[in-house]
Every structure is written in C-alpha cells, then in structure tokens.
Amino acid sequence: MSFGEAPVNRSEPVETALRIADVLTPYLGARAADDVARHLCARHGIVDQPVDPAVRSDLQETIRKGLLAFVDPGLAHELARRCL
C-alpha cells in the first residue's frame, strides 16, 4: 500500500476517520487532515456502526467538494474515492 492509499474494508468510526486523515494528509497537512476527518465523521453520524452506503456517498461528495479549494477536480474526485 502506498502513502495516501486507503486500506480496504475498514468500517468502524475511528478507522474511517484515520483512513480519511491518511489520504488527506499529503494535501492538507496532518493536523488539518485529522481535524477534517473527525469533524466529517461526527457530522455524518459515523459513530459505532459500519458506514451506510447512502452516508458513504454523501460523505464522499462532501470530501470532494471541500478538496476543490486545494486540488484540481479530477484529483479531488480520486481522493474522495480513496477515503472510503
């Protein structure tokens, strides 16, 4: 697995936040990526269950839109996909 590449089949909330932070760190820095990941998991209700497919889709879109301020649209789409 390369840096920024998310491992598959992680669905617990802490692991989801860690995965998001791992993917975003090279683009946002470690602290900002961790803060964003924790905030988004809380905002989308990822607390103690696997990520519902509808929530997953919504979270990916939120991440994609947020990344547009930092990277080009194609990379934003790819990073959002890698996060989940």
Protein backbone atom coordinates (compact mmCIF):
# COMPACT_ATOMS: atom_id res chain seq x y z
CA MET A 1 0.00 0.00 0.00
CA SER A 2 1.45 3.38 -0.99
CA PHE A 3 1.26 6.58 1.04
CA GLY A 4 -2.22 8.10 0.79
CA GLU A 5 -3.74 4.82 -0.39
CA ALA A 6 -6.55 3.72 1.94
CA PRO A 7 -6.75 0.11 3.09
CA VAL A 8 -9.99 -1.63 2.20
CA ASN A 9 -12.77 -2.94 4.45
CA ARG A 10 -12.34 -0.58 7.40
CA SER A 11 -15.74 0.44 8.64
CA GLU A 12 -15.50 1.38 12.31
CA PRO A 13 -15.72 5.11 13.01
CA VAL A 14 -12.19 5.63 14.31
CA GLU A 15 -10.76 3.61 11.46
CA THR A 16 -12.86 5.59 8.97
CA ALA A 17 -11.53 8.86 10.38
CA LEU A 18 -7.97 7.51 10.29
CA ARG A 19 -8.37 6.39 6.70
CA ILE A 20 -9.69 9.79 5.64
CA ALA A 21 -6.87 11.54 7.50
CA ASP A 22 -4.25 9.24 5.93
CA VAL A 23 -5.48 10.05 2.43
CA LEU A 24 -5.79 13.80 3.03
CA THR A 25 -2.56 14.37 5.00
CA PRO A 26 -0.29 14.92 1.97
CA TYR A 27 -2.64 17.64 0.73
CA LEU A 28 -3.82 19.32 3.96
CA GLY A 29 -1.13 18.51 6.49
CA ALA A 30 -1.52 16.01 9.33
CA ARG A 31 -3.31 18.21 11.84
CA ALA A 32 -5.84 19.69 9.40
CA ALA A 33 -6.50 16.28 7.82
CA ASP A 34 -7.16 14.73 11.24
CA ASP A 35 -9.46 17.58 12.28
CA VAL A 36 -11.38 17.41 8.99
CA ALA A 37 -11.73 13.63 9.19
CA ARG A 38 -13.03 13.64 12.77
CA HIS A 39 -15.41 16.53 12.05
CA LEU A 40 -16.84 14.87 8.94
CA CYS A 41 -17.35 11.53 10.68
CA ALA A 42 -19.19 13.26 13.53
CA ARG A 43 -21.22 15.42 11.12
CA HIS A 44 -22.30 12.39 9.10
CA GLY A 45 -23.18 10.36 12.19
CA ILE A 46 -20.46 7.75 11.84
CA VAL A 47 -20.39 6.71 15.47
CA ASP A 48 -20.50 2.98 16.18
CA GLN A 49 -21.73 1.18 13.09
CA PRO A 50 -20.47 0.38 9.60
CA VAL A 51 -20.88 3.23 7.14
CA ASP A 52 -24.26 3.09 5.44
CA PRO A 53 -23.97 3.25 1.60
CA ALA A 54 -26.07 6.45 1.43
CA VAL A 55 -23.92 8.09 4.13
CA ARG A 56 -20.78 6.90 2.35
CA SER A 57 -21.90 8.54 -0.89
CA ASP A 58 -22.82 11.79 0.86
CA LEU A 59 -19.51 11.86 2.75
CA GLN A 60 -17.51 11.24 -0.41
CA GLU A 61 -19.29 14.13 -2.13
CA THR A 62 -18.65 16.41 0.87
CA ILE A 63 -14.95 15.49 0.82
CA ARG A 64 -14.76 16.00 -2.95
CA LYS A 65 -16.32 19.47 -2.74
CA GLY A 66 -14.08 20.50 0.14
CA LEU A 67 -10.95 19.40 -1.69
CA LEU A 68 -11.74 21.59 -4.70
CA ALA A 69 -10.19 24.52 -2.82
CA PHE A 70 -6.86 22.65 -2.67
CA VAL A 71 -6.59 20.39 -5.73
CA ASP A 72 -7.96 20.06 -9.25
CA PRO A 73 -11.39 18.42 -9.77
CA GLY A 74 -10.02 15.10 -11.03
CA LEU A 75 -7.73 14.66 -8.05
CA ALA A 76 -10.49 15.76 -5.65
CA HIS A 77 -12.72 13.00 -7.05
CA GLU A 78 -9.96 10.38 -6.75
CA LEU A 79 -9.03 11.36 -3.20
CA ALA A 80 -12.67 11.28 -2.08
CA ARG A 81 -12.97 7.79 -3.58
CA ARG A 82 -9.81 6.64 -1.75
CA CYS A 83 -11.10 7.98 1.58
CA LEU A 84 -13.90 5.44 1.63
